[in-house]
All heavy atoms as atom14 arrays in JSON, in Angstrom:
{
  "sequence": "RENTEDCYAGIEFEAQSEEAKRIIEILQTQFGVDKIRFPETSAIGVK",
  "atom14_mask": [
    [1, 1, 1, 1, 1, 1, 1, 1, 1, 1, 1, 0, 0, 0],
    [1, 1, 1, 1, 1, 1, 1, 1, 1, 0, 0, 0, 0, 0],
    [1, 1, 1, 1, 1, 1, 1, 1, 0, 0, 0, 0, 0, 0],
    [1, 1, 1, 1, 1, 1, 1, 0, 0, 0, 0, 0, 0, 0],
    [1, 1, 1, 1, 1, 1, 1, 1, 1, 0, 0, 0, 0, 0],
    [1, 1, 1, 1, 1, 1, 1, 1, 0, 0, 0, 0, 0, 0],
    [1, 1, 1, 1, 1, 1, 0, 0, 0, 0, 0, 0, 0, 0],
    [1, 1, 1, 1, 1, 1, 1, 1, 1, 1, 1, 1, 0, 0],
    [1, 1, 1, 1, 1, 0, 0, 0, 0, 0, 0, 0, 0, 0],
    [1, 1, 1, 1, 0, 0, 0, 0, 0, 0, 0, 0, 0, 0],
    [1, 1, 1, 1, 1, 1, 1, 1, 0, 0, 0, 0, 0, 0],
    [1, 1, 1, 1, 1, 1, 1, 1, 1, 0, 0, 0, 0, 0],
    [1, 1, 1, 1, 1, 1, 1, 1, 1, 1, 1, 0, 0, 0],
    [1, 1, 1, 1, 1, 1, 1, 1, 1, 0, 0, 0, 0, 0],
    [1, 1, 1, 1, 1, 0, 0, 0, 0, 0, 0, 0, 0, 0],
    [1, 1, 1, 1, 1, 1, 1, 1, 1, 0, 0, 0, 0, 0],
    [1, 1, 1, 1, 1, 1, 0, 0, 0, 0, 0, 0, 0, 0],
    [1, 1, 1, 1, 1, 1, 1, 1, 1, 0, 0, 0, 0, 0],
    [1, 1, 1, 1, 1, 1, 1, 1, 1, 0, 0, 0, 0, 0],
    [1, 1, 1, 1, 1, 0, 0, 0, 0, 0, 0, 0, 0, 0],
    [1, 1, 1, 1, 1, 1, 1, 1, 1, 0, 0, 0, 0, 0],
    [1, 1, 1, 1, 1, 1, 1, 1, 1, 1, 1, 0, 0, 0],
    [1, 1, 1, 1, 1, 1, 1, 1, 0, 0, 0, 0, 0, 0],
    [1, 1, 1, 1, 1, 1, 1, 1, 0, 0, 0, 0, 0, 0],
    [1, 1, 1, 1, 1, 1, 1, 1, 1, 0, 0, 0, 0, 0],
    [1, 1, 1, 1, 1, 1, 1, 1, 0, 0, 0, 0, 0, 0],
    [1, 1, 1, 1, 1, 1, 1, 1, 0, 0, 0, 0, 0, 0],
    [1, 1, 1, 1, 1, 1, 1, 1, 1, 0, 0, 0, 0, 0],
    [1, 1, 1, 1, 1, 1, 1, 0, 0, 0, 0, 0, 0, 0],
    [1, 1, 1, 1, 1, 1, 1, 1, 1, 0, 0, 0, 0, 0],
    [1, 1, 1, 1, 1, 1, 1, 1, 1, 1, 1, 0, 0, 0],
    [1, 1, 1, 1, 0, 0, 0, 0, 0, 0, 0, 0, 0, 0],
    [1, 1, 1, 1, 1, 1, 1, 0, 0, 0, 0, 0, 0, 0],
    [1, 1, 1, 1, 1, 1, 1, 1, 0, 0, 0, 0, 0, 0],
    [1, 1, 1, 1, 1, 1, 1, 1, 1, 0, 0, 0, 0, 0],
    [1, 1, 1, 1, 1, 1, 1, 1, 0, 0, 0, 0, 0, 0],
    [1, 1, 1, 1, 1, 1, 1, 1, 1, 1, 1, 0, 0, 0],
    [1, 1, 1, 1, 1, 1, 1, 1, 1, 1, 1, 0, 0, 0],
    [1, 1, 1, 1, 1, 1, 1, 0, 0, 0, 0, 0, 0, 0],
    [1, 1, 1, 1, 1, 1, 1, 1, 1, 0, 0, 0, 0, 0],
    [1, 1, 1, 1, 1, 1, 1, 0, 0, 0, 0, 0, 0, 0],
    [1, 1, 1, 1, 1, 1, 0, 0, 0, 0, 0, 0, 0, 0],
    [1, 1, 1, 1, 1, 0, 0, 0, 0, 0, 0, 0, 0, 0],
    [1, 1, 1, 1, 1, 1, 1, 1, 0, 0, 0, 0, 0, 0],
    [1, 1, 1, 1, 0, 0, 0, 0, 0, 0, 0, 0, 0, 0],
    [1, 1, 1, 1, 1, 1, 1, 0, 0, 0, 0, 0, 0, 0],
    [1, 1, 1, 1, 1, 1, 1, 1, 1, 0, 0, 0, 0, 0]
  ],
  "atom14_positions": [
    [[-15.2, 17.73, 6.37], [-15.47, 19.08, 6.79], [-15.38, 19.2, 8.31], [-16.05, 18.46, 9.01], [-16.87, 19.49, 6.28], [-17.41, 20.78, 6.83], [-18.9, 20.88, 6.47], [-19.53, 22.02, 7.08], [-20.87, 22.17, 7.16], [-21.67, 21.23, 6.69], [-21.38, 23.26, 7.75], [0.0, 0.0, 0.0], [0.0, 0.0, 0.0], [0.0, 0.0, 0.0]],
    [[-14.56, 20.11, 8.79], [-14.42, 20.3, 10.23], [-15.73, 20.79, 10.8], [-16.35, 21.69, 10.25], [-13.29, 21.27, 10.54], [-12.64, 21.14, 11.9], [-13.57, 21.6, 13.01], [-14.28, 22.61, 12.82], [-13.6, 20.96, 14.08], [0.0, 0.0, 0.0], [0.0, 0.0, 0.0], [0.0, 0.0, 0.0], [0.0, 0.0, 0.0], [0.0, 0.0, 0.0]],
    [[-16.16, 20.24, 11.92], [-17.53, 20.46, 12.39], [-17.66, 21.34, 13.62], [-18.75, 21.8, 13.9], [-18.16, 19.1, 12.71], [-19.36, 18.78, 11.86], [-19.84, 19.62, 11.09], [-19.84, 17.58, 11.97], [0.0, 0.0, 0.0], [0.0, 0.0, 0.0], [0.0, 0.0, 0.0], [0.0, 0.0, 0.0], [0.0, 0.0, 0.0], [0.0, 0.0, 0.0]],
    [[-16.61, 21.51, 14.41], [-16.79, 22.09, 15.73], [-16.17, 23.46, 15.91], [-16.4, 24.12, 16.92], [-16.21, 21.14, 16.79], [-14.81, 20.92, 16.56], [-16.93, 19.79, 16.77], [0.0, 0.0, 0.0], [0.0, 0.0, 0.0], [0.0, 0.0, 0.0], [0.0, 0.0, 0.0], [0.0, 0.0, 0.0], [0.0, 0.0, 0.0], [0.0, 0.0, 0.0]],
    [[-15.35, 23.9, 14.94], [-14.68, 25.2, 15.06], [-15.18, 26.15, 13.97], [-16.29, 26.02, 13.49], [-13.17, 25.0, 14.99], [-12.63, 24.15, 16.12], [-11.12, 24.13, 16.2], [-10.45, 24.08, 15.14], [-10.6, 24.16, 17.32], [0.0, 0.0, 0.0], [0.0, 0.0, 0.0], [0.0, 0.0, 0.0], [0.0, 0.0, 0.0], [0.0, 0.0, 0.0]],
    [[-14.36, 27.15, 13.65], [-14.71, 28.11, 12.6], [-15.97, 28.88, 13.0], [-16.29, 29.0, 14.18], [-14.89, 27.35, 11.27], [-14.81, 28.2, 10.03], [-14.56, 29.42, 10.14], [-14.97, 27.65, 8.94], [0.0, 0.0, 0.0], [0.0, 0.0, 0.0], [0.0, 0.0, 0.0], [0.0, 0.0, 0.0], [0.0, 0.0, 0.0], [0.0, 0.0, 0.0]],
    [[-16.7, 29.4, 12.06], [-17.88, 30.21, 12.31], [-18.96, 29.43, 13.06], [-19.76, 30.0, 13.78], [-18.47, 30.75, 11.01], [-17.37, 31.73, 10.05], [0.0, 0.0, 0.0], [0.0, 0.0, 0.0], [0.0, 0.0, 0.0], [0.0, 0.0, 0.0], [0.0, 0.0, 0.0], [0.0, 0.0, 0.0], [0.0, 0.0, 0.0], [0.0, 0.0, 0.0]],
    [[-18.98, 28.11, 12.88], [-20.03, 27.3, 13.45], [-19.87, 27.08, 14.95], [-20.74, 26.48, 15.59], [-20.11, 25.96, 12.71], [-20.77, 26.07, 11.38], [-20.13, 26.74, 10.33], [-22.01, 25.54, 11.11], [-20.73, 26.86, 9.08], [-22.62, 25.66, 9.87], [-21.97, 26.33, 8.86], [-22.55, 26.47, 7.63], [0.0, 0.0, 0.0], [0.0, 0.0, 0.0]],
    [[-18.78, 27.57, 15.52], [-18.67, 27.55, 16.98], [-19.67, 28.51, 17.61], [-19.96, 28.41, 18.81], [-17.25, 27.9, 17.4], [0.0, 0.0, 0.0], [0.0, 0.0, 0.0], [0.0, 0.0, 0.0], [0.0, 0.0, 0.0], [0.0, 0.0, 0.0], [0.0, 0.0, 0.0], [0.0, 0.0, 0.0], [0.0, 0.0, 0.0], [0.0, 0.0, 0.0]],
    [[-20.18, 29.43, 16.81], [-21.28, 30.28, 17.28], [-20.91, 31.4, 18.22], [-21.72, 31.83, 19.04], [0.0, 0.0, 0.0], [0.0, 0.0, 0.0], [0.0, 0.0, 0.0], [0.0, 0.0, 0.0], [0.0, 0.0, 0.0], [0.0, 0.0, 0.0], [0.0, 0.0, 0.0], [0.0, 0.0, 0.0], [0.0, 0.0, 0.0], [0.0, 0.0, 0.0]],
    [[-19.67, 31.9, 18.09], [-19.25, 33.0, 18.94], [-19.45, 34.31, 18.19], [-18.65, 34.7, 17.34], [-17.77, 32.85, 19.38], [-17.53, 31.47, 19.99], [-17.37, 33.96, 20.36], [-16.06, 31.14, 20.18], [0.0, 0.0, 0.0], [0.0, 0.0, 0.0], [0.0, 0.0, 0.0], [0.0, 0.0, 0.0], [0.0, 0.0, 0.0], [0.0, 0.0, 0.0]],
    [[-20.52, 35.0, 18.48], [-20.77, 36.27, 17.8], [-21.61, 37.16, 18.69], [-22.31, 36.72, 19.59], [-21.45, 36.05, 16.45], [-22.76, 35.33, 16.5], [-23.43, 35.28, 15.14], [-22.88, 35.82, 14.16], [-24.54, 34.72, 15.06], [0.0, 0.0, 0.0], [0.0, 0.0, 0.0], [0.0, 0.0, 0.0], [0.0, 0.0, 0.0], [0.0, 0.0, 0.0]],
    [[-21.51, 38.46, 18.41], [-22.16, 39.48, 19.22], [-22.91, 40.46, 18.32], [-22.36, 40.94, 17.33], [-21.14, 40.21, 20.1], [-20.34, 39.27, 20.98], [-19.13, 38.77, 20.56], [-20.85, 38.84, 22.19], [-18.4, 37.88, 21.36], [-20.15, 37.93, 22.98], [-18.93, 37.47, 22.57], [0.0, 0.0, 0.0], [0.0, 0.0, 0.0], [0.0, 0.0, 0.0]],
    [[-24.15, 40.75, 18.68], [-25.04, 41.56, 17.86], [-24.53, 42.99, 17.73], [-23.97, 43.55, 18.67], [-26.44, 41.54, 18.44], [-27.49, 42.17, 17.58], [-28.88, 42.05, 18.18], [-29.01, 41.55, 19.32], [-29.86, 42.44, 17.5], [0.0, 0.0, 0.0], [0.0, 0.0, 0.0], [0.0, 0.0, 0.0], [0.0, 0.0, 0.0], [0.0, 0.0, 0.0]],
    [[-24.75, 43.58, 16.56], [-24.38, 44.97, 16.32], [-25.02, 45.89, 17.34], [-26.19, 45.72, 17.69], [-24.78, 45.38, 14.92], [0.0, 0.0, 0.0], [0.0, 0.0, 0.0], [0.0, 0.0, 0.0], [0.0, 0.0, 0.0], [0.0, 0.0, 0.0], [0.0, 0.0, 0.0], [0.0, 0.0, 0.0], [0.0, 0.0, 0.0], [0.0, 0.0, 0.0]],
    [[-24.25, 46.84, 17.86], [-24.68, 47.86, 18.82], [-25.02, 47.27, 20.2], [-25.51, 48.02, 21.06], [-25.86, 48.67, 18.26], [-25.51, 49.4, 16.97], [-26.67, 50.21, 16.41], [-27.73, 49.65, 16.17], [-26.47, 51.49, 16.18], [0.0, 0.0, 0.0], [0.0, 0.0, 0.0], [0.0, 0.0, 0.0], [0.0, 0.0, 0.0], [0.0, 0.0, 0.0]],
    [[-24.72, 45.99, 20.41], [-24.89, 45.43, 21.75], [-23.73, 45.89, 22.63], [-22.67, 46.3, 22.14], [-24.93, 43.91, 21.69], [-23.68, 43.38, 21.29], [0.0, 0.0, 0.0], [0.0, 0.0, 0.0], [0.0, 0.0, 0.0], [0.0, 0.0, 0.0], [0.0, 0.0, 0.0], [0.0, 0.0, 0.0], [0.0, 0.0, 0.0], [0.0, 0.0, 0.0]],
    [[-23.92, 45.8, 23.94], [-22.87, 46.18, 24.86], [-21.64, 45.3, 24.68], [-20.5, 45.76, 24.78], [-23.37, 46.11, 26.3], [-24.35, 47.23, 26.67], [-23.75, 48.63, 26.46], [-22.58, 48.85, 26.88], [-24.42, 49.46, 25.82], [0.0, 0.0, 0.0], [0.0, 0.0, 0.0], [0.0, 0.0, 0.0], [0.0, 0.0, 0.0], [0.0, 0.0, 0.0]],
    [[-21.88, 44.01, 24.41], [-20.75, 43.07, 24.22], [-19.92, 43.44, 23.0], [-18.69, 43.47, 23.06], [-21.27, 41.66, 24.09], [-21.96, 41.09, 25.32], [-23.42, 41.44, 25.42], [-23.91, 42.26, 24.6], [-24.09, 40.9, 26.32], [0.0, 0.0, 0.0], [0.0, 0.0, 0.0], [0.0, 0.0, 0.0], [0.0, 0.0, 0.0], [0.0, 0.0, 0.0]],
    [[-20.62, 43.77, 21.89], [-19.91, 44.15, 20.69], [-19.11, 45.43, 20.9], [-17.97, 45.57, 20.45], [-20.89, 44.32, 19.52], [0.0, 0.0, 0.0], [0.0, 0.0, 0.0], [0.0, 0.0, 0.0], [0.0, 0.0, 0.0], [0.0, 0.0, 0.0], [0.0, 0.0, 0.0], [0.0, 0.0, 0.0], [0.0, 0.0, 0.0], [0.0, 0.0, 0.0]],
    [[-19.74, 46.4, 21.58], [-19.05, 47.67, 21.84], [-17.78, 47.45, 22.66], [-16.75, 48.06, 22.4], [-19.98, 48.64, 22.57], [-21.14, 49.15, 21.72], [-22.06, 50.05, 22.54], [-23.26, 50.54, 21.71], [-24.19, 51.35, 22.54], [0.0, 0.0, 0.0], [0.0, 0.0, 0.0], [0.0, 0.0, 0.0], [0.0, 0.0, 0.0], [0.0, 0.0, 0.0]],
    [[-17.89, 46.6, 23.7], [-16.73, 46.32, 24.55], [-15.61, 45.65, 23.78], [-14.42, 46.03, 23.92], [-17.16, 45.44, 25.73], [-17.98, 46.18, 26.77], [-18.63, 45.22, 27.75], [-17.64, 44.36, 28.42], [-17.98, 43.29, 29.12], [-19.25, 42.92, 29.21], [-17.03, 42.57, 29.72], [0.0, 0.0, 0.0], [0.0, 0.0, 0.0], [0.0, 0.0, 0.0]],
    [[-15.95, 44.66, 22.94], [-14.93, 43.96, 22.17], [-14.26, 44.91, 21.18], [-13.03, 44.89, 21.02], [-15.54, 42.74, 21.47], [-15.9, 41.68, 22.51], [-14.56, 42.15, 20.45], [-16.7, 40.54, 21.95], [0.0, 0.0, 0.0], [0.0, 0.0, 0.0], [0.0, 0.0, 0.0], [0.0, 0.0, 0.0], [0.0, 0.0, 0.0], [0.0, 0.0, 0.0]],
    [[-15.04, 45.73, 20.51], [-14.49, 46.68, 19.55], [-13.56, 47.65, 20.27], [-12.47, 47.99, 19.76], [-15.62, 47.42, 18.8], [-16.31, 46.44, 17.85], [-15.06, 48.62, 18.04], [-17.58, 46.97, 17.24], [0.0, 0.0, 0.0], [0.0, 0.0, 0.0], [0.0, 0.0, 0.0], [0.0, 0.0, 0.0], [0.0, 0.0, 0.0], [0.0, 0.0, 0.0]],
    [[-13.97, 48.13, 21.43], [-13.12, 49.04, 22.2], [-11.79, 48.39, 22.57], [-10.72, 49.01, 22.47], [-13.86, 49.51, 23.45], [-13.06, 50.53, 24.28], [-13.76, 50.96, 25.55], [-14.85, 50.4, 25.83], [-13.22, 51.8, 26.27], [0.0, 0.0, 0.0], [0.0, 0.0, 0.0], [0.0, 0.0, 0.0], [0.0, 0.0, 0.0], [0.0, 0.0, 0.0]],
    [[-11.85, 47.14, 23.02], [-10.62, 46.42, 23.38], [-9.72, 46.26, 22.16], [-8.5, 46.47, 22.24], [-10.98, 45.04, 23.99], [-11.6, 45.22, 25.38], [-9.74, 44.16, 24.07], [-12.2, 43.95, 25.96], [0.0, 0.0, 0.0], [0.0, 0.0, 0.0], [0.0, 0.0, 0.0], [0.0, 0.0, 0.0], [0.0, 0.0, 0.0], [0.0, 0.0, 0.0]],
    [[-10.32, 45.89, 21.03], [-9.53, 45.73, 19.81], [-8.88, 47.02, 19.4], [-7.7, 47.03, 18.98], [-10.44, 45.22, 18.69], [-10.97, 43.79, 18.8], [-11.99, 43.5, 17.72], [-9.83, 42.78, 18.72], [0.0, 0.0, 0.0], [0.0, 0.0, 0.0], [0.0, 0.0, 0.0], [0.0, 0.0, 0.0], [0.0, 0.0, 0.0], [0.0, 0.0, 0.0]],
    [[-9.56, 48.13, 19.56], [-9.02, 49.42, 19.15], [-7.96, 49.93, 20.1], [-6.91, 50.41, 19.68], [-10.16, 50.44, 19.0], [-11.09, 50.17, 17.81], [-12.26, 51.12, 17.76], [-12.75, 51.54, 18.82], [-12.74, 51.47, 16.6], [0.0, 0.0, 0.0], [0.0, 0.0, 0.0], [0.0, 0.0, 0.0], [0.0, 0.0, 0.0], [0.0, 0.0, 0.0]],
    [[-8.26, 49.83, 21.41], [-7.37, 50.45, 22.41], [-6.2, 49.57, 22.82], [-5.1, 50.05, 23.06], [-8.17, 50.84, 23.66], [-8.79, 49.67, 24.21], [-9.25, 51.87, 23.31], [0.0, 0.0, 0.0], [0.0, 0.0, 0.0], [0.0, 0.0, 0.0], [0.0, 0.0, 0.0], [0.0, 0.0, 0.0], [0.0, 0.0, 0.0], [0.0, 0.0, 0.0]],
    [[-6.4, 48.26, 22.87], [-5.37, 47.37, 23.36], [-4.59, 46.67, 22.25], [-3.46, 46.23, 22.47], [-5.96, 46.33, 24.31], [-6.58, 46.94, 25.56], [-7.02, 45.91, 26.58], [-6.46, 44.8, 26.64], [-8.04, 46.22, 27.35], [0.0, 0.0, 0.0], [0.0, 0.0, 0.0], [0.0, 0.0, 0.0], [0.0, 0.0, 0.0], [0.0, 0.0, 0.0]],
    [[-5.19, 46.55, 21.08], [-4.54, 45.84, 19.98], [-4.3, 46.71, 18.76], [-3.76, 46.25, 17.75], [-5.36, 44.61, 19.57], [-5.42, 43.56, 20.65], [-6.49, 43.51, 21.52], [-4.41, 42.63, 20.77], [-6.55, 42.54, 22.51], [-4.47, 41.66, 21.76], [-5.54, 41.62, 22.64], [0.0, 0.0, 0.0], [0.0, 0.0, 0.0], [0.0, 0.0, 0.0]],
    [[-4.69, 47.97, 18.87], [-4.4, 48.91, 17.77], [-5.12, 48.6, 16.47], [-4.65, 48.99, 15.39], [0.0, 0.0, 0.0], [0.0, 0.0, 0.0], [0.0, 0.0, 0.0], [0.0, 0.0, 0.0], [0.0, 0.0, 0.0], [0.0, 0.0, 0.0], [0.0, 0.0, 0.0], [0.0, 0.0, 0.0], [0.0, 0.0, 0.0], [0.0, 0.0, 0.0]],
    [[-6.27, 47.9, 16.55], [-7.02, 47.55, 15.34], [-7.7, 48.81, 14.79], [-8.44, 49.5, 15.48], [-8.09, 46.48, 15.64], [-9.0, 46.26, 14.43], [-7.42, 45.19, 16.06], [0.0, 0.0, 0.0], [0.0, 0.0, 0.0], [0.0, 0.0, 0.0], [0.0, 0.0, 0.0], [0.0, 0.0, 0.0], [0.0, 0.0, 0.0], [0.0, 0.0, 0.0]],
    [[-7.42, 49.12, 13.5], [-8.0, 50.29, 12.88], [-8.72, 49.97, 11.57], [-9.01, 50.86, 10.77], [-6.91, 51.35, 12.61], [-5.8, 50.84, 11.7], [-5.89, 49.67, 11.21], [-4.81, 51.58, 11.47], [0.0, 0.0, 0.0], [0.0, 0.0, 0.0], [0.0, 0.0, 0.0], [0.0, 0.0, 0.0], [0.0, 0.0, 0.0], [0.0, 0.0, 0.0]],
    [[-9.04, 48.69, 11.37], [-9.67, 48.26, 10.12], [-11.14, 48.0, 10.23], [-11.76, 47.49, 9.3], [-8.94, 47.03, 9.56], [-7.5, 47.32, 9.14], [-6.85, 46.1, 8.56], [-5.4, 46.4, 8.13], [-4.7, 45.22, 7.57], [0.0, 0.0, 0.0], [0.0, 0.0, 0.0], [0.0, 0.0, 0.0], [0.0, 0.0, 0.0], [0.0, 0.0, 0.0]],
    [[-11.74, 48.31, 11.38], [-13.18, 48.19, 11.51], [-13.76, 49.49, 11.01], [-13.75, 50.52, 11.69], [-13.59, 47.9, 12.97], [-12.91, 46.64, 13.49], [-15.12, 47.77, 13.07], [-13.15, 46.38, 14.97], [0.0, 0.0, 0.0], [0.0, 0.0, 0.0], [0.0, 0.0, 0.0], [0.0, 0.0, 0.0], [0.0, 0.0, 0.0], [0.0, 0.0, 0.0]],
    [[-14.29, 49.49, 9.8], [-14.68, 50.72, 9.14], [-15.85, 51.41, 9.79], [-15.92, 52.64, 9.87], [-14.99, 50.43, 7.67], [-15.16, 51.69, 6.82], [-15.29, 51.33, 5.35], [-14.09, 50.72, 4.82], [-13.03, 51.4, 4.39], [-13.0, 52.74, 4.45], [-11.96, 50.76, 3.92], [0.0, 0.0, 0.0], [0.0, 0.0, 0.0], [0.0, 0.0, 0.0]],
    [[-16.81, 50.62, 10.32], [-18.0, 51.21, 10.94], [-18.17, 50.63, 12.34], [-19.05, 49.83, 12.62], [-19.24, 50.92, 10.11], [-19.14, 51.42, 8.68], [-18.95, 50.53, 7.62], [-19.18, 52.78, 8.41], [-18.85, 50.99, 6.33], [-19.08, 53.26, 7.12], [-18.91, 52.35, 6.05], [0.0, 0.0, 0.0], [0.0, 0.0, 0.0], [0.0, 0.0, 0.0]],
    [[-17.33, 51.05, 13.27], [-17.32, 50.44, 14.62], [-18.63, 50.61, 15.38], [-18.97, 49.76, 16.22], [-16.17, 51.15, 15.31], [-15.95, 52.41, 14.55], [-16.29, 52.09, 13.15], [0.0, 0.0, 0.0], [0.0, 0.0, 0.0], [0.0, 0.0, 0.0], [0.0, 0.0, 0.0], [0.0, 0.0, 0.0], [0.0, 0.0, 0.0], [0.0, 0.0, 0.0]],
    [[-19.36, 51.69, 15.13], [-20.57, 51.94, 15.87], [-21.7, 50.96, 15.52], [-22.59, 50.74, 16.34], [-21.06, 53.39, 15.62], [-20.1, 54.46, 16.09], [-19.82, 54.4, 17.58], [-20.79, 54.13, 18.34], [-18.68, 54.59, 17.98], [0.0, 0.0, 0.0], [0.0, 0.0, 0.0], [0.0, 0.0, 0.0], [0.0, 0.0, 0.0], [0.0, 0.0, 0.0]],
    [[-21.64, 50.37, 14.34], [-22.73, 49.5, 13.91], [-22.25, 48.12, 13.49], [-22.98, 47.37, 12.85], [-23.51, 50.12, 12.73], [-22.6, 50.35, 11.64], [-24.13, 51.45, 13.16], [0.0, 0.0, 0.0], [0.0, 0.0, 0.0], [0.0, 0.0, 0.0], [0.0, 0.0, 0.0], [0.0, 0.0, 0.0], [0.0, 0.0, 0.0], [0.0, 0.0, 0.0]],
    [[-21.05, 47.74, 13.89], [-20.5, 46.44, 13.49], [-20.9, 45.34, 14.47], [-20.75, 45.48, 15.69], [-18.99, 46.5, 13.41], [-18.59, 47.23, 12.26], [0.0, 0.0, 0.0], [0.0, 0.0, 0.0], [0.0, 0.0, 0.0], [0.0, 0.0, 0.0], [0.0, 0.0, 0.0], [0.0, 0.0, 0.0], [0.0, 0.0, 0.0], [0.0, 0.0, 0.0]],
    [[-21.43, 44.26, 13.93], [-21.52, 43.02, 14.71], [-20.14, 42.39, 14.71], [-19.32, 42.63, 13.81], [-22.56, 42.08, 14.11], [0.0, 0.0, 0.0], [0.0, 0.0, 0.0], [0.0, 0.0, 0.0], [0.0, 0.0, 0.0], [0.0, 0.0, 0.0], [0.0, 0.0, 0.0], [0.0, 0.0, 0.0], [0.0, 0.0, 0.0], [0.0, 0.0, 0.0]],
    [[-19.87, 41.55, 15.7], [-18.55, 40.93, 15.82], [-18.7, 39.42, 15.95], [-19.5, 38.92, 16.75], [-17.79, 41.49, 17.04], [-17.41, 42.95, 16.83], [-16.53, 40.68, 17.32], [-16.37, 43.19, 15.76], [0.0, 0.0, 0.0], [0.0, 0.0, 0.0], [0.0, 0.0, 0.0], [0.0, 0.0, 0.0], [0.0, 0.0, 0.0], [0.0, 0.0, 0.0]],
    [[-17.91, 38.7, 15.15], [-17.83, 37.26, 15.27], [-16.39, 36.81, 15.51], [-15.45, 37.44, 15.04], [0.0, 0.0, 0.0], [0.0, 0.0, 0.0], [0.0, 0.0, 0.0], [0.0, 0.0, 0.0], [0.0, 0.0, 0.0], [0.0, 0.0, 0.0], [0.0, 0.0, 0.0], [0.0, 0.0, 0.0], [0.0, 0.0, 0.0], [0.0, 0.0, 0.0]],
    [[-16.22, 35.73, 16.25], [-14.9, 35.19, 16.57], [-14.78, 33.84, 15.87], [-15.68, 33.02, 15.95], [-14.67, 35.07, 18.07], [-13.28, 34.51, 18.35], [-14.85, 36.44, 18.75], [0.0, 0.0, 0.0], [0.0, 0.0, 0.0], [0.0, 0.0, 0.0], [0.0, 0.0, 0.0], [0.0, 0.0, 0.0], [0.0, 0.0, 0.0], [0.0, 0.0, 0.0]],
    [[-13.64, 33.62, 15.24], [-13.42, 32.4, 14.45], [-12.3, 31.58, 15.08], [-11.13, 31.8, 14.77], [-13.06, 32.81, 13.03], [-12.71, 31.68, 12.04], [-12.23, 32.31, 10.73], [-11.75, 31.28, 9.73], [-12.85, 30.57, 9.08], [0.0, 0.0, 0.0], [0.0, 0.0, 0.0], [0.0, 0.0, 0.0], [0.0, 0.0, 0.0], [0.0, 0.0, 0.0]]
  ]
}
C-alpha cells in the first residue's frame, strides 16, 4: 500500500474557509470547472 501520497498526504481545506473559497474560484475561473455542485459549502482536498 502506497504510504505517502493520495489522500493521506493531508492536503485539504475546510468548507467555507478562505483557502477553500480561493481554490474553488481558481478552479472555476481559470480552469473552467463546473462540476462542483455546491461551491459555497464545499471542502476541498487535493490528491
